[in-house]
Amino acid sequence: MDNTINEIVKHLTNLPDNLRQQVLEFVRSLDTPVRGVSGKKLLRFAGTIPRDDLEIMSHEIEKECR
């Protein structure tokens, strides 16, 4: 772990203040528990999006995420 921290510090010292602040905010976000909605609560929405819309969304995701 010490090598990892030393490597991070080495890179941080070369960054401008604004980027160091972004790194700090990112690291803090990693330490925050992820909160979400359980799948059971989302089941009531199953089937509410029309099939044509789902096909369009799927096509766009496939096209843009390659």
C-alpha atoms as a PDB file:
ATOM      1  CA  MET A   1       0.000   0.000   0.000  1.00  0.00           C
ATOM      2  CA  ASP A   2       2.819   2.424   0.772  1.00  0.00           C
ATOM      3  CA  ASN A   3       4.118   2.149  -2.799  1.00  0.00           C
ATOM      4  CA  THR A   4       0.683   2.999  -4.152  1.00  0.00           C
ATOM      5  CA  ILE A   5       0.362   6.056  -1.927  1.00  0.00           C
ATOM      6  CA  ASN A   6       3.868   7.206  -2.827  1.00  0.00           C
ATOM      7  CA  GLU A   7       3.066   6.843  -6.526  1.00  0.00           C
ATOM      8  CA  ILE A   8      -0.143   8.839  -6.135  1.00  0.00           C
ATOM      9  CA  VAL A   9       1.630  11.598  -4.224  1.00  0.00           C
ATOM     10  CA  LYS A  10       4.361  11.720  -6.876  1.00  0.00           C
ATOM     11  CA  HIS A  11       1.788  12.354  -9.576  1.00  0.00           C
ATOM     12  CA  LEU A  12      -0.236  14.775  -7.464  1.00  0.00           C
ATOM     13  CA  THR A  13       2.748  17.040  -6.877  1.00  0.00           C
ATOM     14  CA  ASN A  14       2.992  17.614 -10.647  1.00  0.00           C
ATOM     15  CA  LEU A  15      -0.665  18.599 -11.031  1.00  0.00           C
ATOM     16  CA  PRO A  16      -1.991  22.152 -10.874  1.00  0.00           C
ATOM     17  CA  ASP A  17      -4.174  23.073  -7.898  1.00  0.00           C
ATOM     18  CA  ASN A  18      -7.473  22.775  -9.790  1.00  0.00           C
ATOM     19  CA  LEU A  19      -6.685  19.195 -10.849  1.00  0.00           C
ATOM     20  CA  ARG A  20      -5.546  18.279  -7.340  1.00  0.00           C
ATOM     21  CA  GLN A  21      -8.929  19.496  -6.110  1.00  0.00           C
ATOM     22  CA  GLN A  22     -10.675  17.255  -8.657  1.00  0.00           C
ATOM     23  CA  VAL A  23      -8.611  14.290  -7.491  1.00  0.00           C
ATOM     24  CA  LEU A  24      -9.535  15.042  -3.882  1.00  0.00           C
ATOM     25  CA  GLU A  25     -13.231  15.206  -4.733  1.00  0.00           C
ATOM     26  CA  PHE A  26     -12.967  11.932  -6.651  1.00  0.00           C
ATOM     27  CA  VAL A  27     -11.201  10.162  -3.777  1.00  0.00           C
ATOM     28  CA  ARG A  28     -13.817  11.415  -1.343  1.00  0.00           C
ATOM     29  CA  SER A  29     -16.559  10.085  -3.624  1.00  0.00           C
ATOM     30  CA  LEU A  30     -14.951   6.630  -3.508  1.00  0.00           C
ATOM     31  CA  ASP A  31     -15.273   6.638   0.264  1.00  0.00           C
ATOM     32  CA  THR A  32     -19.007   7.408   0.136  1.00  0.00           C
ATOM     33  CA  PRO A  33     -21.329   4.402   0.233  1.00  0.00           C
ATOM     34  CA  VAL A  34     -23.357   3.932  -2.927  1.00  0.00           C
ATOM     35  CA  ARG A  35     -27.053   4.304  -2.328  1.00  0.00           C
ATOM     36  CA  GLY A  36     -29.703   3.200  -4.721  1.00  0.00           C
ATOM     37  CA  VAL A  37     -33.124   1.705  -5.098  1.00  0.00           C
ATOM     38  CA  SER A  38     -33.664  -2.003  -4.685  1.00  0.00           C
ATOM     39  CA  GLY A  39     -34.705  -4.007  -7.722  1.00  0.00           C
ATOM     40  CA  LYS A  40     -37.956  -4.984  -6.014  1.00  0.00           C
ATOM     41  CA  LYS A  41     -39.038  -1.350  -5.910  1.00  0.00           C
ATOM     42  CA  LEU A  42     -38.287  -0.944  -9.612  1.00  0.00           C
ATOM     43  CA  LEU A  43     -40.285  -3.984 -10.745  1.00  0.00           C
ATOM     44  CA  ARG A  44     -43.470  -1.947 -10.932  1.00  0.00           C
ATOM     45  CA  PHE A  45     -41.948  -0.073 -13.894  1.00  0.00           C
ATOM     46  CA  ALA A  46     -41.238  -3.242 -15.882  1.00  0.00           C
ATOM     47  CA  GLY A  47     -42.938  -3.142 -19.254  1.00  0.00           C
ATOM     48  CA  THR A  48     -43.834   0.543 -19.137  1.00  0.00           C
ATOM     49  CA  ILE A  49     -41.478   1.622 -21.945  1.00  0.00           C
ATOM     50  CA  PRO A  50     -42.889   0.865 -25.392  1.00  0.00           C
ATOM     51  CA  ARG A  51     -40.985  -1.805 -27.353  1.00  0.00           C
ATOM     52  CA  ASP A  52     -40.215   0.577 -30.235  1.00  0.00           C
ATOM     53  CA  ASP A  53     -38.589   3.028 -27.810  1.00  0.00           C
ATOM     54  CA  LEU A  54     -36.534   0.239 -26.257  1.00  0.00           C
ATOM     55  CA  GLU A  55     -35.274  -0.797 -29.678  1.00  0.00           C
ATOM     56  CA  ILE A  56     -34.276   2.790 -30.493  1.00  0.00           C
ATOM     57  CA  MET A  57     -32.494   3.139 -27.145  1.00  0.00           C
ATOM     58  CA  SER A  58     -30.710  -0.177 -27.577  1.00  0.00           C
ATOM     59  CA  HIS A  59     -29.583   0.767 -31.086  1.00  0.00           C
ATOM     60  CA  GLU A  60     -28.238   4.157 -29.923  1.00  0.00           C
ATOM     61  CA  ILE A  61     -26.405   2.633 -26.969  1.00  0.00           C
ATOM     62  CA  GLU A  62     -24.838   0.011 -29.203  1.00  0.00           C
ATOM     63  CA  LYS A  63     -23.833   2.633 -31.765  1.00  0.00           C
ATOM     64  CA  GLU A  64     -22.322   5.078 -29.259  1.00  0.00           C
ATOM     65  CA  CYS A  65     -20.646   2.633 -26.863  1.00  0.00           C
ATOM     66  CA  ARG A  66     -18.510   0.638 -29.279  1.00  0.00           C
END
